[in-house]
Amino acid sequence: MRILITGGCGFVGSSIALYFANAYPKYTIIVFDNLRRRGSELNLKRLTEAGIQFVHGDIRNEYDLNGISAPDVIIEASAEPSVLAGIDSSPNYTIDTNLIGTIHALNFARSCNAAFVFLSTSRVYPINQIEKVKVFESETRFEIDSAQQIAGVNKEGISEEFPLDGYRSIYGATKLASEIMIQEYHQFYGLNTIVNRCGVLTGPWQMGKVDQGFVVLWMARHFWNRPLSYIGFGGQGKQVRDILHVLDLCRLVDQQLHHINLFSGNIYNVGGGHQNSISLQEMTTLCRKITGNHVAIDEVKENRPADIPIYITNNRKVQTTCGWKPEIQLPEIAQEVFSWISQNKNELEPILK
């Protein structure tokens, strides 16, 4: 099998590439990336050492794809991943990368009849609809109430039936628009396509920032004794997300590529689920326990643009389809991230500190 991974030097793309290179040594793995994100140069070194082919190119330019030999599968992992991207600045880069780039990748897949796996996001679900979800407040977090008046949500989280009418962020809008185009290419051009709406992904080699990758960010700030902030929702750090280790995503994509007809044409929510959900306040407690450090945390009551109090993935659809469920639990994830930072602190300090 020949697998092309766009955004292949990013956190998720490189993790998938290394997973398949290790699991299937006879496969040809090609990564395509513009190396724009800081830290991608560290992933490039790991990829080339594993014998993975690298093509330097930009998904915004369709001609950069033309020189690549026809793959059997394209995994579209390229993205501007920041939820805040385009809100306080021009949206052009986000739109050109996340939507136009996906269309370029779709056209390339169509030209060589390649299967197409798209890594989307839970951020396609609208903010105004999530605000209708009934929640209650416990000592350390927000929780989803068992009684709901809106479709597609229960105490286990948000499912694919959740309403899509409304606004969601420039980032989320580009991802949803890409999903719509993917469905058109599946229906009218006969492409095998799969969409995975991922929750918060994490693990070693994620270059976490304030607006993307909070698990690594939180652990890194504790590791180097740097300050943090609880921003919004009263400044108490009770907002909640579910966390998925990137290797659990890799296991699912493995199943999808090898049983393409079972999954083709479908959209799946893919996340850590309720059992792997955590608030910022609880993340702080976990980081303190692992590092032994207590960092200063500012309390900012005002909400950031496009922020939401809670998101938890309901994985029932994908679990019913193939039996997949997350295997790596939060304490293990946090400990692994800490060990990775400890073992690579000299390389990571300029990026994460």
Protein backbone atom coordinates (compact mmCIF):
# COMPACT_ATOMS: atom_id res chain seq x y z
CA MET A 1 0.00 0.00 0.00
CA ARG A 2 1.15 3.53 -0.80
CA ILE A 3 -0.07 6.05 1.77
CA LEU A 4 0.22 9.82 1.34
CA ILE A 5 -0.23 11.91 4.49
CA THR A 6 -0.74 15.63 3.99
CA GLY A 7 0.42 17.70 6.93
CA GLY A 8 2.63 14.70 7.57
CA CYS A 9 5.20 16.54 9.71
CA GLY A 10 2.59 17.85 12.10
CA PHE A 11 1.74 16.10 15.34
CA VAL A 12 -1.09 13.89 14.07
CA GLY A 13 0.29 13.34 10.57
CA SER A 14 3.73 12.30 11.79
CA SER A 15 2.24 10.01 14.44
CA ILE A 16 0.15 8.22 11.82
CA ALA A 17 3.13 7.97 9.46
CA LEU A 18 5.39 6.44 12.09
CA TYR A 19 2.64 4.07 13.23
CA PHE A 20 2.14 2.65 9.73
CA ALA A 21 5.85 2.54 8.96
CA ASN A 22 6.38 0.46 12.09
CA ALA A 23 3.30 -1.77 11.70
CA TYR A 24 3.68 -2.36 7.94
CA PRO A 25 7.35 -2.16 6.90
CA LYS A 26 6.54 -3.08 3.28
CA TYR A 27 4.20 -0.13 2.83
CA THR A 28 5.41 3.07 1.20
CA ILE A 29 4.67 6.05 3.44
CA ILE A 30 4.96 9.57 2.01
CA VAL A 31 4.55 12.73 4.06
CA PHE A 32 3.76 16.10 2.50
CA ASP A 33 4.25 19.28 4.52
CA ASN A 34 5.22 22.95 4.25
CA LEU A 35 7.07 22.84 7.63
CA ARG A 36 5.36 26.08 8.68
CA ARG A 37 4.51 25.07 12.24
CA ARG A 38 7.33 25.34 14.74
CA GLY A 39 8.45 21.90 15.90
CA SER A 40 7.67 20.19 12.59
CA GLU A 41 11.40 20.17 11.86
CA LEU A 42 11.87 17.83 14.86
CA ASN A 43 9.25 15.47 13.47
CA LEU A 44 10.88 15.56 10.04
CA LYS A 45 14.07 14.19 11.53
CA ARG A 46 12.19 11.30 13.14
CA LEU A 47 10.31 10.54 9.94
CA THR A 48 13.36 10.44 7.67
CA GLU A 49 15.22 8.25 10.16
CA ALA A 50 12.31 5.80 9.90
CA GLY A 51 12.67 5.62 6.12
CA ILE A 52 9.55 7.64 5.39
CA GLN A 53 9.60 9.70 2.21
CA PHE A 54 9.27 13.48 2.58
CA VAL A 55 7.88 15.86 -0.02
CA HIS A 56 8.19 19.55 0.76
CA GLY A 57 5.09 21.32 -0.50
CA ASP A 58 2.12 23.45 0.43
CA ILE A 59 -1.42 22.10 0.31
CA ARG A 60 -2.58 25.56 -0.78
CA ASN A 61 -0.80 25.00 -4.10
CA GLU A 62 -2.37 22.14 -6.05
CA TYR A 63 0.68 21.86 -8.31
CA ASP A 64 2.85 20.84 -5.36
CA LEU A 65 0.99 17.52 -5.32
CA ASN A 66 1.51 16.75 -9.00
CA GLY A 67 4.98 15.24 -8.72
CA ILE A 68 3.93 12.59 -6.20
CA SER A 69 3.46 9.05 -7.53
CA ALA A 70 -0.15 7.91 -7.25
CA PRO A 71 -1.00 6.72 -3.71
CA ASP A 72 -3.62 4.14 -2.79
CA VAL A 73 -4.75 6.23 0.18
CA ILE A 74 -4.58 9.91 1.10
CA ILE A 75 -4.87 10.82 4.77
CA GLU A 76 -5.70 14.53 4.89
CA ALA A 77 -4.12 15.78 8.13
CA SER A 78 -3.00 19.21 6.98
CA ALA A 79 -4.64 22.09 8.83
CA GLU A 80 -4.34 25.40 10.56
CA PRO A 81 -5.51 23.86 13.87
CA SER A 82 -6.12 26.94 16.00
CA VAL A 83 -9.71 27.63 17.01
CA LEU A 84 -8.81 31.33 17.27
CA ALA A 85 -7.26 31.47 13.78
CA GLY A 86 -8.87 34.07 11.57
CA ILE A 87 -10.95 35.63 14.35
CA ASP A 88 -8.47 38.31 15.40
CA SER A 89 -6.66 38.38 12.05
CA SER A 90 -7.23 37.63 8.37
CA PRO A 91 -9.04 34.30 7.78
CA ASN A 92 -7.27 33.75 4.45
CA TYR A 93 -4.59 31.30 5.59
CA THR A 94 -7.12 29.20 7.50
CA ILE A 95 -9.55 29.09 4.57
CA ASP A 96 -6.84 28.44 1.98
CA THR A 97 -5.29 25.63 4.04
CA ASN A 98 -8.32 23.96 5.61
CA LEU A 99 -10.83 24.23 2.77
CA ILE A 100 -9.03 24.96 -0.50
CA GLY A 101 -6.24 22.60 0.54
CA THR A 102 -8.74 19.81 1.14
CA ILE A 103 -10.23 20.37 -2.31
CA HIS A 104 -6.74 20.14 -3.85
CA ALA A 105 -6.20 16.86 -1.99
CA LEU A 106 -9.62 15.58 -3.13
CA ASN A 107 -8.81 16.37 -6.75
CA PHE A 108 -5.52 14.53 -6.43
CA ALA A 109 -7.32 11.54 -4.89
CA ARG A 110 -9.81 11.58 -7.75
CA SER A 111 -7.01 11.66 -10.35
CA CYS A 112 -5.51 8.44 -8.98
CA ASN A 113 -8.67 6.86 -7.51
CA ALA A 114 -7.21 6.89 -4.02
CA ALA A 115 -9.23 6.34 -0.86
CA PHE A 116 -9.54 9.51 1.22
CA VAL A 117 -9.47 9.73 5.03
CA PHE A 118 -10.17 13.21 6.42
CA LEU A 119 -9.26 14.27 9.93
CA SER A 120 -11.97 16.71 10.89
CA THR A 121 -12.81 18.18 14.27
CA SER A 122 -15.47 18.32 16.95
CA ARG A 123 -15.42 22.06 16.31
CA VAL A 124 -17.86 21.55 13.43
CA TYR A 125 -20.57 21.49 16.12
CA PRO A 126 -21.93 25.04 16.59
CA ILE A 127 -21.23 27.15 19.63
CA ASN A 128 -24.82 28.39 19.79
CA GLN A 129 -26.09 24.78 19.90
CA ILE A 130 -23.53 23.66 22.50
CA GLU A 131 -24.67 26.58 24.66
CA LYS A 132 -28.13 24.96 24.74
CA VAL A 133 -26.74 21.80 26.33
CA LYS A 134 -27.86 21.58 29.95
CA VAL A 135 -24.90 21.31 32.31
CA PHE A 136 -24.43 21.32 36.05
CA GLU A 137 -21.44 22.38 38.09
CA SER A 138 -19.58 20.06 40.42
CA GLU A 139 -16.65 20.91 42.68
CA THR A 140 -14.02 20.60 39.94
CA ARG A 141 -15.85 20.61 36.58
CA PHE A 142 -18.90 21.12 34.44
CA GLU A 143 -20.93 17.99 33.67
CA ILE A 144 -23.58 17.25 31.05
CA ASP A 145 -27.01 16.83 32.61
CA SER A 146 -28.86 13.57 31.91
CA ALA A 147 -32.03 15.53 30.97
CA GLN A 148 -31.69 17.27 27.59
CA GLN A 149 -34.08 18.97 25.19
CA ILE A 150 -31.70 19.03 22.23
CA ALA A 151 -30.99 16.09 19.90
CA GLY A 152 -27.69 14.26 19.79
CA VAL A 153 -26.53 14.79 23.36
CA ASN A 154 -26.72 12.80 26.58
CA LYS A 155 -24.53 12.34 29.64
CA GLU A 156 -22.10 10.29 27.50
CA GLY A 157 -21.46 13.29 25.23
CA ILE A 158 -22.28 14.65 21.80
CA SER A 159 -23.09 12.35 18.88
CA GLU A 160 -23.25 12.81 15.11
CA GLU A 161 -26.97 13.67 15.39
CA PHE A 162 -26.18 16.96 17.15
CA PRO A 163 -27.56 20.01 15.24
CA LEU A 164 -25.22 21.74 12.81
CA ASP A 165 -27.12 25.01 12.31
CA GLY A 166 -25.24 28.01 13.62
CA TYR A 167 -21.76 29.46 13.99
CA ARG A 168 -18.67 27.62 15.17
CA SER A 169 -15.40 29.56 14.45
CA ILE A 170 -13.59 30.12 11.16
CA TYR A 171 -11.59 26.96 11.85
CA GLY A 172 -14.71 24.85 12.47
CA ALA A 173 -16.48 26.33 9.45
CA THR A 174 -13.63 25.41 7.09
CA LYS A 175 -13.65 21.86 8.41
CA LEU A 176 -17.42 21.51 8.01
CA ALA A 177 -17.24 22.94 4.50
CA SER A 178 -14.55 20.37 3.70
CA GLU A 179 -16.77 17.60 5.03
CA ILE A 180 -19.56 18.73 2.70
CA MET A 181 -17.23 18.67 -0.31
CA ILE A 182 -15.97 15.23 0.67
CA GLN A 183 -19.53 13.90 0.68
CA GLU A 184 -20.03 15.32 -2.82
CA TYR A 185 -16.88 13.64 -4.12
CA HIS A 186 -17.99 10.36 -2.56
CA GLN A 187 -21.43 10.53 -4.10
CA PHE A 188 -20.69 11.87 -7.58
CA TYR A 189 -17.12 10.68 -8.23
CA GLY A 190 -17.28 7.37 -6.40
CA LEU A 191 -14.35 8.07 -4.06
CA ASN A 192 -14.04 5.96 -0.94
CA THR A 193 -14.10 8.61 1.79
CA ILE A 194 -14.08 8.57 5.59
CA VAL A 195 -14.45 11.55 7.91
CA ASN A 196 -13.26 11.36 11.53
CA ARG A 197 -14.45 14.24 13.72
CA CYS A 198 -11.71 14.21 16.33
CA GLY A 199 -11.94 15.59 19.83
CA VAL A 200 -8.82 16.80 21.63
CA LEU A 201 -5.84 14.73 20.48
CA THR A 202 -2.61 14.55 22.43
CA GLY A 203 0.55 12.58 23.10
CA PRO A 204 4.32 12.96 22.77
CA TRP A 205 5.64 15.25 20.01
CA GLN A 206 2.67 17.60 20.14
CA MET A 207 3.89 21.19 20.30
CA GLY A 208 1.08 22.43 22.54
CA LYS A 209 0.00 26.07 22.58
CA VAL A 210 -2.70 28.09 24.33
CA ASP A 211 -5.17 27.69 21.48
CA GLN A 212 -4.32 24.08 20.52
CA GLY A 213 -2.81 21.21 22.50
CA PHE A 214 -3.65 22.14 26.10
CA VAL A 215 -2.55 18.82 27.63
CA VAL A 216 1.06 19.28 26.50
CA LEU A 217 0.88 22.99 27.27
CA TRP A 218 -0.28 22.33 30.85
CA MET A 219 2.36 19.68 31.48
CA ALA A 220 5.15 21.77 29.93
CA ARG A 221 4.27 24.83 32.01
CA HIS A 222 4.34 22.73 35.15
CA PHE A 223 7.60 21.07 34.10
CA TRP A 224 9.33 24.45 33.66
CA ASN A 225 7.45 26.22 36.47
CA ARG A 226 5.81 28.73 34.15
CA PRO A 227 2.47 30.50 34.87
CA LEU A 228 -0.89 29.53 33.41
CA SER A 229 -4.39 31.04 33.22
CA TYR A 230 -7.91 29.77 33.69
CA ILE A 231 -9.64 31.85 31.00
CA GLY A 232 -13.39 32.29 30.92
CA PHE A 233 -16.42 30.69 32.59
CA GLY A 234 -15.70 32.44 35.87
CA GLY A 235 -11.96 31.77 35.79
CA GLN A 236 -12.26 28.57 37.85
CA GLY A 237 -10.89 26.12 35.29
CA LYS A 238 -14.03 23.99 35.23
CA GLN A 239 -14.33 23.78 31.43
CA VAL A 240 -14.09 20.17 30.20
CA ARG A 241 -12.79 18.32 27.14
CA ASP A 242 -12.29 14.65 26.41
CA ILE A 243 -8.78 13.52 25.50
CA LEU A 244 -7.70 10.93 22.92
CA HIS A 245 -4.16 9.59 22.67
CA VAL A 246 -3.01 9.84 19.08
CA LEU A 247 -2.08 6.13 19.00
CA ASP A 248 -5.72 5.25 19.67
CA LEU A 249 -6.60 7.30 16.58
CA CYS A 250 -3.90 5.44 14.63
CA ARG A 251 -5.46 2.11 15.58
CA LEU A 252 -8.81 3.27 14.20
CA VAL A 253 -7.31 4.59 10.95
CA ASP A 254 -5.56 1.20 10.58
CA GLN A 255 -8.94 -0.54 10.75
CA GLN A 256 -10.45 1.95 8.34
CA LEU A 257 -7.77 1.53 5.68
CA HIS A 258 -7.93 -2.25 5.79
CA HIS A 259 -11.75 -2.47 5.81
CA ILE A 260 -12.53 0.53 3.63
CA ASN A 261 -15.93 -0.70 2.43
CA LEU A 262 -17.17 -0.96 6.02
CA PHE A 263 -16.49 2.71 6.69
CA SER A 264 -16.71 4.43 3.29
CA GLY A 265 -19.09 7.35 2.98
CA ASN A 266 -19.50 7.79 6.72
CA ILE A 267 -18.73 10.44 9.33
CA TYR A 268 -17.63 9.40 12.81
CA ASN A 269 -17.13 11.17 16.11
CA VAL A 270 -13.77 10.02 17.47
CA GLY A 271 -12.60 11.03 20.93
CA GLY A 272 -11.63 9.93 24.39
CA GLY A 273 -15.22 9.79 25.62
CA HIS A 274 -16.54 10.52 29.08
CA GLN A 275 -14.04 8.22 30.79
CA ASN A 276 -11.16 10.28 29.36
CA SER A 277 -12.65 13.71 30.02
CA ILE A 278 -10.97 16.28 32.25
CA SER A 279 -11.32 19.89 33.33
CA LEU A 280 -8.48 22.39 33.45
CA GLN A 281 -8.71 22.36 37.23
CA GLU A 282 -8.39 18.57 37.26
CA MET A 283 -5.54 18.78 34.74
CA THR A 284 -3.73 21.10 37.11
CA THR A 285 -4.08 18.59 39.95
CA LEU A 286 -2.76 15.80 37.73
CA CYS A 287 0.23 17.86 36.57
CA ARG A 288 1.07 18.86 40.13
CA LYS A 289 1.02 15.22 41.19
CA ILE A 290 3.31 14.11 38.35
CA THR A 291 5.79 17.03 38.37
CA GLY A 292 5.70 17.99 42.02
CA ASN A 293 5.49 21.64 40.93
CA HIS A 294 2.79 24.20 41.77
CA VAL A 295 2.64 27.01 39.20
CA ALA A 296 0.86 30.34 39.45
CA ILE A 297 -2.54 30.31 37.73
CA ASP A 298 -4.31 33.57 36.89
CA GLU A 299 -8.11 33.66 36.95
CA VAL A 300 -9.66 35.47 33.97
CA LYS A 301 -13.44 35.54 34.25
CA GLU A 302 -14.17 36.80 30.72
CA ASN A 303 -14.69 34.19 27.99
CA ARG A 304 -12.45 34.00 24.94
CA PRO A 305 -14.07 34.19 21.48
CA ALA A 306 -15.37 30.82 20.24
CA ASP A 307 -14.83 29.08 23.60
CA ILE A 308 -17.29 26.55 25.02
CA PRO A 309 -17.73 25.22 28.57
CA ILE A 310 -17.79 21.52 27.73
CA TYR A 311 -17.32 19.06 24.91
CA ILE A 312 -17.31 15.27 25.33
CA THR A 313 -17.33 12.85 22.41
CA ASN A 314 -19.96 10.14 22.15
CA ASN A 315 -18.18 7.33 20.26
CA ARG A 316 -21.15 4.99 20.00
CA LYS A 317 -21.41 5.06 16.17
CA VAL A 318 -17.79 4.08 15.48
CA GLN A 319 -17.79 1.60 18.35
CA THR A 320 -20.91 -0.07 16.96
CA THR A 321 -19.36 -0.16 13.47
CA CYS A 322 -16.08 -1.87 14.36
CA GLY A 323 -15.70 -2.28 18.12
CA TRP A 324 -13.07 0.46 18.41
CA LYS A 325 -12.78 2.33 21.68
CA PRO A 326 -9.99 4.29 23.38
CA GLU A 327 -7.50 2.12 25.25
CA ILE A 328 -5.00 4.63 26.70
CA GLN A 329 -6.33 6.36 29.79
CA LEU A 330 -5.70 9.88 31.06
CA PRO A 331 -3.19 9.17 33.87
CA GLU A 332 -1.07 7.13 31.45
CA ILE A 333 -1.32 9.86 28.80
CA ALA A 334 -0.19 12.56 31.24
CA GLN A 335 2.71 10.47 32.53
CA GLU A 336 3.85 9.71 28.97
CA VAL A 337 3.79 13.39 28.03
CA PHE A 338 5.83 14.22 31.14
CA SER A 339 8.41 11.52 30.33
CA TRP A 340 8.70 12.77 26.74
CA ILE A 341 9.34 16.34 27.89
CA SER A 342 11.88 15.13 30.47
CA GLN A 343 13.79 13.04 27.93
CA ASN A 344 13.83 15.76 25.24
CA LYS A 345 13.92 18.92 27.35
CA ASN A 346 16.86 20.54 25.56
CA GLU A 347 15.19 20.29 22.14
CA LEU A 348 11.73 21.18 23.44
CA GLU A 349 12.58 24.05 25.77
CA PRO A 350 12.78 26.74 23.04
CA ILE A 351 9.36 25.64 21.74
CA LEU A 352 7.35 24.69 24.81
CA LYS A 353 8.78 26.73 27.67
